[in-house]
Protein backbone atom coordinates (compact mmCIF):
# COMPACT_ATOMS: atom_id res chain seq x y z
CA MET A 1 -42.53 70.67 88.07
CA THR A 2 -39.39 72.56 87.14
CA THR A 3 -38.61 75.98 87.96
CA ASP A 4 -37.83 78.70 85.51
CA VAL A 5 -34.20 78.33 84.17
CA ARG A 6 -33.76 82.07 83.83
CA THR A 7 -33.09 84.77 86.15
CA ALA A 8 -35.95 87.50 86.74
CA SER A 9 -34.11 89.99 84.57
CA ASN A 10 -33.58 87.63 81.97
CA ALA A 11 -37.15 86.52 81.87
CA GLN A 12 -38.01 90.38 81.61
CA ALA A 13 -35.64 90.78 78.91
CA SER A 14 -37.19 87.88 76.74
CA SER A 15 -39.67 88.45 74.21
CA VAL A 16 -42.33 86.08 75.12
CA LEU A 17 -45.56 85.81 73.11
CA THR A 18 -48.84 86.31 75.13
CA SER A 19 -51.27 84.91 72.54
CA SER A 20 -52.20 83.79 69.14
CA ALA A 21 -52.93 87.37 68.17
CA ASP A 22 -49.61 88.55 69.30
CA ALA A 23 -47.78 85.82 67.52
CA LEU A 24 -49.46 86.81 64.30
CA GLU A 25 -48.71 90.40 64.83
CA LYS A 26 -44.91 90.17 65.32
CA VAL A 27 -44.84 87.78 62.12
CA ALA A 28 -46.51 90.51 60.24
CA GLY A 29 -44.03 93.00 60.98
CA LEU A 30 -41.30 90.85 59.88
CA LEU A 31 -42.55 89.83 56.67
CA PRO A 32 -41.70 92.81 54.21
CA GLY A 33 -37.88 92.27 55.31
CA PHE A 34 -38.08 88.46 54.58
CA ALA A 35 -40.14 89.28 51.08
CA ALA A 36 -37.19 91.82 50.43
CA ARG A 37 -34.32 89.10 50.95
CA ALA A 38 -36.03 86.21 49.15
CA ALA A 39 -34.00 86.32 46.13
CA GLU A 40 -30.80 86.67 48.38
CA THR A 41 -31.84 83.79 50.37
CA ASP A 42 -32.46 81.75 47.20
CA GLY A 43 -29.21 82.64 45.41
CA ASN A 44 -26.84 82.47 48.63
CA ARG A 45 -28.42 79.20 49.57
CA ARG A 46 -29.15 80.50 53.24
CA VAL A 47 -31.56 82.33 55.35
CA PRO A 48 -29.40 85.80 56.01
CA ASP A 49 -28.42 86.35 59.46
CA GLN A 50 -30.74 89.37 59.55
CA SER A 51 -33.49 87.30 59.02
CA ILE A 52 -32.73 85.00 62.06
CA ASP A 53 -31.73 87.81 64.31
CA GLU A 54 -35.25 89.43 63.73
CA LEU A 55 -36.85 86.05 64.51
CA LYS A 56 -34.83 85.79 67.56
CA GLN A 57 -35.45 89.07 68.88
CA SER A 58 -39.23 88.58 68.08
CA GLY A 59 -39.60 85.95 70.50
CA LEU A 60 -41.12 83.65 67.64
CA PHE A 61 -38.50 80.74 67.95
CA GLY A 62 -39.70 80.11 71.50
CA ILE A 63 -43.47 79.86 70.20
CA ILE A 64 -43.84 76.37 71.50
CA LYS A 65 -41.02 76.16 74.25
CA PRO A 66 -42.55 75.56 77.50
CA LYS A 67 -43.02 78.59 79.41
CA SER A 68 -41.09 77.15 82.35
CA MET A 69 -38.40 77.15 80.05
CA GLY A 70 -38.73 80.94 79.26
CA GLY A 71 -40.78 80.23 76.28
CA SER A 72 -44.17 81.07 75.04
CA GLU A 73 -45.82 77.77 75.02
CA LEU A 74 -48.58 79.03 72.36
CA GLY A 75 -48.81 75.62 70.90
CA PHE A 76 -48.54 74.08 67.46
CA ALA A 77 -51.41 75.49 65.78
CA ASP A 78 -49.79 78.91 66.01
CA LEU A 79 -46.58 77.16 64.95
CA VAL A 80 -48.21 76.09 61.63
CA ARG A 81 -49.93 79.74 61.27
CA VAL A 82 -46.74 81.50 61.69
CA THR A 83 -44.94 79.22 59.40
CA ALA A 84 -47.50 79.74 56.79
CA GLU A 85 -47.11 83.36 56.99
CA ILE A 86 -43.40 83.48 56.62
CA SER A 87 -43.11 80.75 53.86
CA ALA A 88 -45.68 83.02 51.70
CA VAL A 89 -43.09 85.70 51.48
CA CYS A 90 -39.88 83.31 51.47
CA GLY A 91 -40.37 79.54 51.54
CA SER A 92 -37.01 78.87 52.79
CA THR A 93 -37.03 81.22 55.42
CA GLY A 94 -40.50 79.78 56.96
CA TRP A 95 -39.05 76.15 56.37
CA VAL A 96 -36.00 77.22 58.45
CA TYR A 97 -38.22 78.83 61.03
CA GLY A 98 -40.67 75.81 61.35
CA VAL A 99 -37.66 73.63 61.81
CA LEU A 100 -35.74 75.32 64.35
CA ALA A 101 -38.75 76.73 66.45
CA GLY A 102 -40.64 73.33 66.10
CA HIS A 103 -38.16 70.77 66.59
CA SER A 104 -36.84 72.60 69.75
CA TRP A 105 -39.93 70.62 71.10
CA LEU A 106 -37.90 67.37 70.86
CA LEU A 107 -35.50 68.83 73.55
CA ASN A 108 -38.55 69.02 76.00
CA LEU A 109 -38.68 65.30 76.02
CA PHE A 110 -35.29 64.70 77.17
CA PRO A 111 -33.89 64.84 80.87
CA GLU A 112 -34.41 68.16 82.90
CA GLN A 113 -30.71 68.17 82.98
CA ALA A 114 -30.13 68.72 79.45
CA GLN A 115 -33.07 71.08 78.89
CA ARG A 116 -31.67 73.44 81.79
CA GLU A 117 -28.14 73.13 80.24
CA ILE A 118 -29.32 74.15 76.66
CA PHE A 119 -31.97 76.57 77.31
CA ALA A 120 -29.69 78.18 79.67
CA ASP A 121 -29.01 80.52 76.30
CA GLU A 122 -32.48 82.11 75.54
CA HIS A 123 -31.96 82.43 71.99
CA VAL A 124 -30.33 78.91 71.54
CA LEU A 125 -31.33 76.91 68.30
CA ILE A 126 -31.51 73.31 67.52
CA GLY A 127 -31.04 71.40 64.33
CA THR A 128 -32.21 67.75 63.90
CA VAL A 129 -31.08 64.68 61.76
CA PHE A 130 -33.59 62.03 62.76
CA ARG A 131 -31.50 59.02 60.98
CA LEU A 132 -27.68 59.60 61.51
CA GLY A 133 -25.31 56.94 60.30
CA GLY A 134 -22.34 55.77 62.27
CA GLU A 135 -21.97 53.77 65.32
CA ILE A 136 -22.92 54.24 69.00
CA VAL A 137 -21.73 52.06 71.71
CA GLU A 138 -22.35 52.40 75.41
CA GLU A 139 -19.15 54.46 77.28
CA GLY A 140 -19.09 54.95 80.96
CA ASN A 141 -21.85 57.32 81.77
CA GLY A 142 -22.80 58.01 78.29
CA PHE A 143 -22.26 57.02 74.79
CA ARG A 144 -19.38 56.98 72.17
CA LEU A 145 -20.55 58.04 68.57
CA THR A 146 -17.98 57.45 65.82
CA GLY A 147 -18.40 57.81 62.22
CA GLY A 148 -21.60 59.94 62.18
CA ASN A 149 -23.03 60.91 58.98
CA GLY A 150 -26.38 62.26 57.78
CA GLY A 151 -28.24 64.70 55.55
CA PHE A 152 -30.98 67.42 55.39
CA CYS A 153 -29.91 69.24 58.58
CA SER A 154 -32.16 72.55 57.89
CA GLY A 155 -30.74 75.32 59.40
CA ILE A 156 -27.36 73.94 60.79
CA ASP A 157 -25.94 77.38 59.97
CA TYR A 158 -27.63 78.68 63.08
CA ALA A 159 -27.98 75.83 65.11
CA ASP A 160 -26.17 75.73 68.48
CA TRP A 161 -27.15 72.12 68.99
CA VAL A 162 -28.24 69.17 67.04
CA ILE A 163 -30.30 66.29 67.81
CA ILE A 164 -29.93 63.28 66.24
CA GLY A 165 -31.02 59.66 65.91
CA ASN A 166 -29.36 56.35 65.65
CA ALA A 167 -29.46 52.92 67.69
CA VAL A 168 -27.02 52.10 70.25
CA LYS A 169 -25.27 48.89 69.64
CA LYS A 170 -25.34 47.40 73.53
CA ALA A 171 -22.83 44.93 74.97
CA ASP A 172 -25.22 42.14 74.66
CA GLY A 173 -25.55 42.62 70.60
CA THR A 174 -28.93 44.12 71.00
CA ASP A 175 -29.96 47.56 69.75
CA GLU A 176 -31.66 50.08 71.29
CA SER A 177 -32.99 53.27 69.29
CA ARG A 178 -32.35 56.81 71.08
CA PHE A 179 -32.10 60.41 70.28
CA PHE A 180 -29.07 62.28 71.45
CA VAL A 181 -28.06 66.02 71.42
CA ILE A 182 -24.84 67.10 70.47
CA PRO A 183 -23.22 70.46 70.42
CA LYS A 184 -22.72 72.08 67.10
CA SER A 185 -18.87 72.42 68.16
CA GLU A 186 -18.58 68.74 67.48
CA VAL A 187 -20.54 68.88 64.30
CA GLU A 188 -18.83 69.29 60.79
CA VAL A 189 -21.03 70.78 58.16
CA ILE A 190 -20.54 69.40 54.56
CA ASP A 191 -21.61 71.95 52.00
CA ASP A 192 -23.55 69.93 49.56
CA TRP A 193 -26.80 71.43 49.42
CA PHE A 194 -27.38 72.01 45.78
CA THR A 195 -30.85 71.40 44.83
CA VAL A 196 -33.69 72.42 42.66
CA GLY A 197 -35.55 74.02 45.32
CA MET A 198 -35.66 75.34 48.98
CA ARG A 199 -31.84 76.24 48.27
CA GLY A 200 -31.92 78.71 50.85
CA THR A 201 -32.72 76.39 53.63
CA GLY A 202 -29.21 75.34 53.55
CA SER A 203 -29.99 71.94 54.68
CA ARG A 204 -26.49 70.65 54.42
CA SER A 205 -25.15 67.20 55.70
CA ILE A 206 -23.02 66.69 58.68
CA LYS A 207 -20.32 64.66 60.40
CA ILE A 208 -19.57 63.76 63.67
CA ASP A 209 -16.47 61.70 63.55
CA ASN A 210 -15.79 60.94 67.30
CA ALA A 211 -18.16 62.27 70.09
CA PHE A 212 -18.70 61.38 73.75
CA ILE A 213 -22.55 62.03 74.73
CA PRO A 214 -23.07 62.24 78.33
CA ALA A 215 -26.41 60.00 79.57
CA HIS A 216 -28.49 63.08 80.58
CA ARG A 217 -28.17 64.25 76.89
CA SER A 218 -30.16 61.14 75.62
CA CYS A 219 -33.61 59.93 75.37
CA ARG A 220 -34.90 56.30 74.21
CA LEU A 221 -36.98 56.25 71.50
CA SER A 222 -39.45 53.91 72.99
CA ASP A 223 -40.11 56.51 75.74
CA MET A 224 -40.78 59.23 73.23
CA LEU A 225 -43.16 57.35 71.17
CA ALA A 226 -44.98 56.19 74.49
CA GLY A 227 -45.27 59.41 76.10
CA THR A 228 -43.02 58.12 79.17
CA SER A 229 -39.81 60.26 78.27
CA PRO A 230 -38.29 62.34 81.19
CA GLY A 231 -39.86 65.45 79.64
CA ALA A 232 -43.45 63.87 80.33
CA LYS A 233 -42.48 64.53 84.12
CA VAL A 234 -41.24 67.94 83.83
CA HIS A 235 -43.80 69.44 81.67
CA SER A 236 -47.57 69.18 82.23
CA PRO A 237 -49.21 69.91 79.00
CA ALA A 238 -50.15 66.53 77.28
CA VAL A 239 -48.27 67.25 74.33
CA TYR A 240 -45.14 65.98 76.21
CA ARG A 241 -46.92 62.85 76.69
CA MET A 242 -47.92 62.25 73.15
CA PRO A 243 -45.73 60.31 70.51
CA PHE A 244 -43.31 62.39 69.14
CA SER A 245 -44.21 61.07 65.57
CA ASP A 246 -47.53 62.51 66.13
CA LEU A 247 -46.15 66.21 66.38
CA ALA A 248 -42.70 66.52 64.60
CA PRO A 249 -44.21 67.32 61.06
CA PHE A 250 -46.09 70.07 62.42
CA SER A 251 -42.96 72.19 62.43
CA ILE A 252 -42.74 71.87 58.74
CA ILE A 253 -46.33 71.24 57.22
CA GLY A 254 -46.97 75.25 57.26
CA ALA A 255 -44.21 75.66 54.73
CA PRO A 256 -45.57 74.51 51.44
CA ILE A 257 -49.07 75.68 52.49
CA GLY A 258 -47.81 79.04 52.91
CA MET A 259 -45.67 78.89 49.76
CA ALA A 260 -48.64 78.06 47.65
CA ARG A 261 -50.67 80.92 49.28
CA GLY A 262 -47.98 83.27 48.12
CA ALA A 263 -47.93 81.91 44.57
CA ILE A 264 -51.72 82.62 44.46
CA SER A 265 -51.11 86.20 46.12
CA SER A 266 -48.29 87.12 43.76
CA PHE A 267 -50.11 85.95 40.69
CA ALA A 268 -53.30 87.69 41.58
CA GLU A 269 -51.41 90.87 42.38
CA HIS A 270 -49.64 90.62 38.90
CA LEU A 271 -52.78 89.83 37.01
CA GLY A 272 -54.95 92.49 38.59
CA GLY A 273 -52.21 95.20 37.61
CA ARG A 274 -52.35 94.24 33.99
CA LEU A 275 -56.11 94.03 33.79
CA ARG A 276 -57.23 97.04 36.08
CA ASP A 277 -57.14 99.42 33.18
CA ALA A 278 -58.19 96.65 30.65
CA GLU A 279 -61.55 96.68 28.32
CA GLU A 280 -64.51 94.68 29.82
CA LEU A 281 -64.00 92.24 26.82
CA GLN A 282 -60.46 91.42 27.71
CA VAL A 283 -61.07 90.88 31.42
CA ALA A 284 -63.98 88.48 30.37
CA GLU A 285 -61.48 86.54 28.56
CA GLN A 286 -59.67 85.93 31.93
CA SER A 287 -62.71 84.16 33.41
CA ALA A 288 -61.07 80.67 33.14
CA THR A 289 -58.06 81.76 35.08
CA PHE A 290 -60.18 83.76 37.67
CA ALA A 291 -61.61 80.45 38.22
CA ARG A 292 -58.34 78.84 38.54
CA ILE A 293 -57.35 81.18 41.20
CA GLY A 294 -60.32 80.85 43.34
CA GLU A 295 -59.89 77.15 43.10
CA ALA A 296 -56.53 77.33 43.88
CA SER A 297 -57.01 79.56 46.84
CA ALA A 298 -59.82 77.19 48.21
CA THR A 299 -57.53 74.25 48.02
CA VAL A 300 -55.04 76.07 49.96
CA ASP A 301 -57.27 77.48 52.64
CA ALA A 302 -58.88 73.83 53.19
CA ALA A 303 -55.47 72.37 53.47
CA LEU A 304 -54.43 74.85 56.15
CA ALA A 305 -57.67 74.35 57.82
CA LEU A 306 -57.31 70.70 57.76
CA VAL A 307 -53.77 70.72 59.50
CA VAL A 308 -54.64 73.20 62.20
CA SER A 309 -57.88 71.72 63.02
CA ASP A 310 -55.55 68.72 64.08
CA ALA A 311 -53.01 70.98 65.80
CA VAL A 312 -56.07 72.57 67.75
CA ARG A 313 -57.05 69.31 69.15
CA LEU A 314 -53.56 68.13 70.30
CA ASP A 315 -52.96 71.57 71.74
CA SER A 316 -56.35 71.32 73.49
CA ALA A 317 -55.74 67.67 74.93
CA ARG A 318 -55.63 67.38 78.60
CA ASN A 319 -54.48 63.56 78.54
CA PRO A 320 -52.98 61.85 75.26
CA SER A 321 -56.25 59.69 75.81
CA ASP A 322 -58.55 62.52 74.58
CA ILE A 323 -57.08 61.97 71.09
CA THR A 324 -58.76 58.84 69.74
CA PRO A 325 -57.00 56.11 67.63
CA SER A 326 -58.70 57.20 64.56
CA GLN A 327 -57.80 60.62 65.24
CA ARG A 328 -54.33 59.83 65.57
CA ALA A 329 -54.65 58.18 62.56
CA GLN A 330 -55.62 60.88 60.44
CA ILE A 331 -53.10 63.61 61.58
CA PRO A 332 -50.20 61.99 59.24
CA ARG A 333 -52.78 61.52 56.39
CA ASP A 334 -53.73 65.26 56.86
CA TRP A 335 -49.94 66.36 56.39
CA ALA A 336 -49.31 64.48 53.18
CA TYR A 337 -52.87 65.52 51.68
CA ALA A 338 -52.13 69.12 52.48
CA ALA A 339 -48.48 69.42 51.12
CA GLN A 340 -49.64 67.86 48.11
CA GLN A 341 -52.72 69.85 47.74
CA ALA A 342 -50.11 72.81 47.85
CA ARG A 343 -48.14 71.42 45.44
CA TYR A 344 -51.03 71.05 43.14
CA ALA A 345 -52.36 74.32 43.82
CA ALA A 346 -49.34 76.10 42.85
CA THR A 347 -48.61 74.18 40.03
CA ARG A 348 -52.07 74.99 38.70
CA ILE A 349 -51.08 79.02 39.04
CA PHE A 350 -47.59 78.04 37.67
CA GLU A 351 -49.22 76.84 34.48
CA VAL A 352 -51.10 80.04 33.62
CA SER A 353 -47.88 82.53 34.75
CA GLY A 354 -46.72 82.63 30.93
CA GLY A 355 -43.15 82.14 29.90
CA SER A 356 -41.62 84.87 31.82
CA ALA A 357 -42.39 82.62 34.74
CA ILE A 358 -39.44 80.40 33.89
CA TYR A 359 -36.65 83.00 34.13
CA ASP A 360 -34.19 83.01 36.90
CA GLY A 361 -34.68 85.54 39.38
CA GLY A 362 -38.34 85.47 38.88
CA ALA A 363 -40.62 84.96 42.26
CA MET A 364 -42.78 82.35 40.45
CA GLN A 365 -40.40 80.11 39.36
CA ARG A 366 -38.84 80.20 42.81
CA VAL A 367 -41.76 79.45 44.63
CA TRP A 368 -42.82 76.59 42.30
CA ARG A 369 -39.40 74.96 42.80
CA ASP A 370 -39.73 75.41 46.78
CA VAL A 371 -43.01 74.03 46.95
CA ASN A 372 -42.35 70.94 44.89
CA SER A 373 -39.11 70.37 46.82
CA ALA A 374 -40.93 70.78 50.19
CA ALA A 375 -43.62 68.40 49.20
CA GLN A 376 -40.85 65.79 48.39
CA HIS A 377 -40.50 65.47 52.21
CA PHE A 378 -40.78 61.54 53.58
CA ALA A 379 -43.75 62.62 55.99
CA PHE A 380 -45.72 63.93 52.90
CA THR A 381 -45.49 60.81 50.90
CA LEU A 382 -49.20 60.74 49.91
CA ASP A 383 -49.18 56.83 48.79
CA SER A 384 -47.83 55.69 52.06
CA ALA A 385 -49.81 58.06 54.11
CA MET A 386 -52.81 56.71 52.57
CA THR A 387 -52.21 53.23 53.21
CA THR A 388 -51.41 53.53 56.78
CA TYR A 389 -54.56 55.61 57.48
CA SER A 390 -56.64 53.13 55.54
CA ARG A 391 -55.15 50.29 57.64
CA ALA A 392 -55.62 51.72 60.90
CA ILE A 393 -59.61 52.50 60.06
CA LEU A 394 -59.69 48.97 58.83
CA GLY A 395 -58.14 47.66 62.16
CA LEU A 396 -54.85 46.26 60.65
CA LYS A 397 -51.84 46.39 62.57
CA PRO A 398 -49.65 49.37 61.68
CA GLY A 399 -46.27 49.56 60.82
CA SER A 400 -43.57 50.61 63.32
CA PHE A 401 -40.79 53.62 63.46
CA THR A 402 -37.25 52.32 64.27
CA LEU A 403 -33.82 54.22 63.79
CA ARG A 404 -32.11 51.54 61.89
CA LYS A 405 -28.48 52.31 61.10
CA ARG A 406 -27.71 53.73 57.61
CA SER A 407 -25.88 51.34 54.88
């Protein structure tokens, strides 16, 4: 088992979360500021530095980082809850938080040398591009990447390192899918993030023209899927020995759920203000709208409960075998279902928000754009998720995850 990478003084200076209640209390204190900066976040196409700094100082970025590496190691259920809380007031800030806090878990699967090297900075942030183009070949005690390019690198403005996936072209002509971690200094950021929604995430494309990657900054995908990665020997909790594909989207699923919850809350507050001094007949005429609010609220609460229950089961497992095949199969089903239910609920509220909701600068149209954009993520594709789940419970062979080269 590894020892703490920090000195005692650094460990005392770090803001380590002690419990779920502690995490929720910390985030609650930050929400007013995130809400006040939501329009700025959307307009500038990036989360303000102040918001990122506040999250760093709060310790929330370390919510699933191992204790042995200076983190809080609270679990994926708390990551989902905190992401949803932030996203309820600013969808882009919530998404960026979820990515940077959650995807750092991938680094914990890498060799211990890479973890020590990167986590030496207690506030380090790590972006990801799961499928990067370009060519990677073996070279000396490492790998050479040329012509690398890829999109959707959320939080790249603040990342110090980037984890990328690609297939290594081996000397014998075969390919081997791997993940690599590369310093931001070797990455060129392409400002191409002009989108209908989630504008503030700044999920820009990246280019890596030529980079040497030492062997210790790489990990085989086959090991990450089998639970036999180098990190599985370093950290004891079962989540480090589970297929990474069962865990990665927990980083972002809280975002669309939180966005929808925020839309409902905002509309209820607005409508309540209008009707507070109204005649009883005027209030009664809104009964259908009241019912719509109740239905949307129940839909979102159910979606969150479904996802959190999956996360709690994974967090609580002592061994990967504690998760049955049917339970594993329902995890991606629940991600997709929850995201699409959040989209549905937010749209139901948008439909009754009136013509003023379509104006630029209005909170409702921003949330509606954000939740619909978030639900477009490939992990939340309902048709494929339901088909894959059904194949599993029918006993049919599932598909496979590979890192094929982009054309």
